[in-house]
Amino acid sequence: MIGPGKADLLEAIRETGSIAEAGRRLGMSYKRAWTLVETLNATFAEPVVESRRGGAGFGGAALTALGETALSHYRRLQAKAARASAAEVAALRRLRADSAERK
């Protein structure tokens, strides 16, 4: 439903007010950014991004209240997962080949 890439796109749309600019910021094509927005809007009960046509200076995009809520929930989920897995991630890092070379 939402993952790190889609969450980053939502944040970039919030910051730039533009799907095209958000896509450029993240190194993706306009078509890819639009496809992800369409997928997100179809996934949730209501749209998470609203867009206005109009070209440079007139168009734009913004997160809806639901978009802000979904993004907030996802970022909290990410933070909890990172805290819960920190010890295991550290253990895996110690097993890396480059970590043995430093000893």
C-alpha atoms as a PDB file:
ATOM      1  CA  MET A   1       0.000   0.000   0.000  1.00  0.00           C
ATOM      2  CA  ILE A   2       2.823   2.385   0.882  1.00  0.00           C
ATOM      3  CA  GLY A   3       6.541   1.852   1.117  1.00  0.00           C
ATOM      4  CA  PRO A   4       9.666   3.965   1.371  1.00  0.00           C
ATOM      5  CA  GLY A   5       9.582   5.189  -2.241  1.00  0.00           C
ATOM      6  CA  LYS A   6       5.940   6.215  -2.157  1.00  0.00           C
ATOM      7  CA  ALA A   7       6.413   7.866   1.237  1.00  0.00           C
ATOM      8  CA  ASP A   8       9.408   9.817  -0.120  1.00  0.00           C
ATOM      9  CA  LEU A   9       7.303  10.879  -3.106  1.00  0.00           C
ATOM     10  CA  LEU A  10       4.496  12.099  -0.827  1.00  0.00           C
ATOM     11  CA  GLU A  11       6.990  14.108   1.220  1.00  0.00           C
ATOM     12  CA  ALA A  12       8.506  15.599  -1.927  1.00  0.00           C
ATOM     13  CA  ILE A  13       5.046  16.557  -3.211  1.00  0.00           C
ATOM     14  CA  ARG A  14       4.319  18.214   0.133  1.00  0.00           C
ATOM     15  CA  GLU A  15       7.600  20.150  -0.035  1.00  0.00           C
ATOM     16  CA  THR A  16       7.477  21.160  -3.706  1.00  0.00           C
ATOM     17  CA  GLY A  17       3.755  21.434  -4.417  1.00  0.00           C
ATOM     18  CA  SER A  18       4.367  19.599  -7.684  1.00  0.00           C
ATOM     19  CA  ILE A  19       4.307  15.992  -8.822  1.00  0.00           C
ATOM     20  CA  ALA A  20       6.770  16.764 -11.621  1.00  0.00           C
ATOM     21  CA  GLU A  21       9.205  18.550  -9.310  1.00  0.00           C
ATOM     22  CA  ALA A  22       8.868  15.828  -6.672  1.00  0.00           C
ATOM     23  CA  GLY A  23       9.703  13.219  -9.301  1.00  0.00           C
ATOM     24  CA  ARG A  24      12.738  15.194 -10.491  1.00  0.00           C
ATOM     25  CA  ARG A  25      13.936  15.589  -6.916  1.00  0.00           C
ATOM     26  CA  LEU A  26      13.765  11.814  -6.477  1.00  0.00           C
ATOM     27  CA  GLY A  27      15.317  11.028  -9.860  1.00  0.00           C
ATOM     28  CA  MET A  28      12.180   9.576 -11.418  1.00  0.00           C
ATOM     29  CA  SER A  29      10.311  10.458 -14.556  1.00  0.00           C
ATOM     30  CA  TYR A  30       7.123  12.466 -14.473  1.00  0.00           C
ATOM     31  CA  LYS A  31       5.237   9.411 -15.752  1.00  0.00           C
ATOM     32  CA  ARG A  32       6.613   7.227 -12.943  1.00  0.00           C
ATOM     33  CA  ALA A  33       5.711   9.836 -10.309  1.00  0.00           C
ATOM     34  CA  TRP A  34       2.192  10.178 -11.745  1.00  0.00           C
ATOM     35  CA  THR A  35       1.745   6.406 -11.870  1.00  0.00           C
ATOM     36  CA  LEU A  36       2.713   6.122  -8.193  1.00  0.00           C
ATOM     37  CA  VAL A  37       0.305   8.930  -7.259  1.00  0.00           C
ATOM     38  CA  GLU A  38      -2.500   7.246  -9.207  1.00  0.00           C
ATOM     39  CA  THR A  39      -1.726   3.935  -7.474  1.00  0.00           C
ATOM     40  CA  LEU A  40      -1.750   5.590  -4.050  1.00  0.00           C
ATOM     41  CA  ASN A  41      -5.000   7.420  -4.778  1.00  0.00           C
ATOM     42  CA  ALA A  42      -6.632   4.164  -5.924  1.00  0.00           C
ATOM     43  CA  THR A  43      -5.337   2.220  -2.906  1.00  0.00           C
ATOM     44  CA  PHE A  44      -6.795   4.397  -0.177  1.00  0.00           C
ATOM     45  CA  ALA A  45     -10.467   5.083   0.564  1.00  0.00           C
ATOM     46  CA  GLU A  46     -10.002   8.665  -0.659  1.00  0.00           C
ATOM     47  CA  PRO A  47      -7.261  10.405  -2.661  1.00  0.00           C
ATOM     48  CA  VAL A  48      -4.015  11.108  -0.820  1.00  0.00           C
ATOM     49  CA  VAL A  49      -2.858  13.661  -3.421  1.00  0.00           C
ATOM     50  CA  GLU A  50      -4.928  16.333  -5.097  1.00  0.00           C
ATOM     51  CA  SER A  51      -3.633  17.894  -8.281  1.00  0.00           C
ATOM     52  CA  ARG A  52      -4.586  20.964 -10.269  1.00  0.00           C
ATOM     53  CA  ARG A  53      -3.902  21.216 -13.993  1.00  0.00           C
ATOM     54  CA  GLY A  54      -2.567  24.376 -15.417  1.00  0.00           C
ATOM     55  CA  GLY A  55       1.093  24.218 -16.320  1.00  0.00           C
ATOM     56  CA  ALA A  56       3.911  26.272 -14.872  1.00  0.00           C
ATOM     57  CA  GLY A  57       2.701  28.722 -12.257  1.00  0.00           C
ATOM     58  CA  PHE A  58      -0.899  27.526 -12.333  1.00  0.00           C
ATOM     59  CA  GLY A  59      -0.941  23.802 -11.655  1.00  0.00           C
ATOM     60  CA  GLY A  60       0.244  21.985  -8.603  1.00  0.00           C
ATOM     61  CA  ALA A  61      -0.339  19.195  -6.171  1.00  0.00           C
ATOM     62  CA  ALA A  62      -0.849  18.820  -2.454  1.00  0.00           C
ATOM     63  CA  LEU A  63      -1.392  16.064   0.048  1.00  0.00           C
ATOM     64  CA  THR A  64      -4.934  15.706   1.278  1.00  0.00           C
ATOM     65  CA  ALA A  65      -5.669  15.321   4.987  1.00  0.00           C
ATOM     66  CA  LEU A  66      -5.757  11.560   4.402  1.00  0.00           C
ATOM     67  CA  GLY A  67      -2.397  11.757   2.619  1.00  0.00           C
ATOM     68  CA  GLU A  68      -0.854  13.578   5.582  1.00  0.00           C
ATOM     69  CA  THR A  69      -2.312  10.990   7.970  1.00  0.00           C
ATOM     70  CA  ALA A  70      -1.147   8.013   5.900  1.00  0.00           C
ATOM     71  CA  LEU A  71       2.361   9.467   5.581  1.00  0.00           C
ATOM     72  CA  SER A  72       2.510  10.132   9.313  1.00  0.00           C
ATOM     73  CA  HIS A  73       1.445   6.567  10.139  1.00  0.00           C
ATOM     74  CA  TYR A  74       4.003   5.152   7.727  1.00  0.00           C
ATOM     75  CA  ARG A  75       6.879   7.245   9.097  1.00  0.00           C
ATOM     76  CA  ARG A  76       5.978   6.192  12.670  1.00  0.00           C
ATOM     77  CA  LEU A  77       5.912   2.558  11.528  1.00  0.00           C
ATOM     78  CA  GLN A  78       9.362   2.993   9.983  1.00  0.00           C
ATOM     79  CA  ALA A  79      10.748   4.503  13.189  1.00  0.00           C
ATOM     80  CA  LYS A  80       9.341   1.681  15.319  1.00  0.00           C
ATOM     81  CA  ALA A  81      10.728  -0.951  12.954  1.00  0.00           C
ATOM     82  CA  ALA A  82      14.166   0.686  13.005  1.00  0.00           C
ATOM     83  CA  ARG A  83      14.223   0.738  16.809  1.00  0.00           C
ATOM     84  CA  ALA A  84      12.992  -2.851  17.069  1.00  0.00           C
ATOM     85  CA  SER A  85      15.570  -4.154  14.598  1.00  0.00           C
ATOM     86  CA  ALA A  86      18.597  -2.050  15.625  1.00  0.00           C
ATOM     87  CA  ALA A  87      20.398  -4.866  17.470  1.00  0.00           C
ATOM     88  CA  GLU A  88      19.941  -7.317  14.587  1.00  0.00           C
ATOM     89  CA  VAL A  89      21.081  -4.763  12.027  1.00  0.00           C
ATOM     90  CA  ALA A  90      24.189  -4.063  14.130  1.00  0.00           C
ATOM     91  CA  ALA A  91      24.897  -7.803  14.389  1.00  0.00           C
ATOM     92  CA  LEU A  92      24.604  -8.216  10.607  1.00  0.00           C
ATOM     93  CA  ARG A  93      26.939  -5.267  10.034  1.00  0.00           C
ATOM     94  CA  ARG A  94      29.554  -6.924  12.235  1.00  0.00           C
ATOM     95  CA  LEU A  95      29.390  -9.997   9.969  1.00  0.00           C
ATOM     96  CA  ARG A  96      30.250  -8.068   6.805  1.00  0.00           C
ATOM     97  CA  ALA A  97      33.481  -8.891   5.017  1.00  0.00           C
ATOM     98  CA  ASP A  98      34.759  -5.311   5.243  1.00  0.00           C
ATOM     99  CA  SER A  99      34.287  -5.374   9.010  1.00  0.00           C
ATOM    100  CA  ALA A 100      36.592  -8.448   9.297  1.00  0.00           C
ATOM    101  CA  GLU A 101      39.268  -6.671   7.224  1.00  0.00           C
ATOM    102  CA  ARG A 102      39.412  -3.797   9.721  1.00  0.00           C
ATOM    103  CA  LYS A 103      40.278  -6.103  12.645  1.00  0.00           C
END
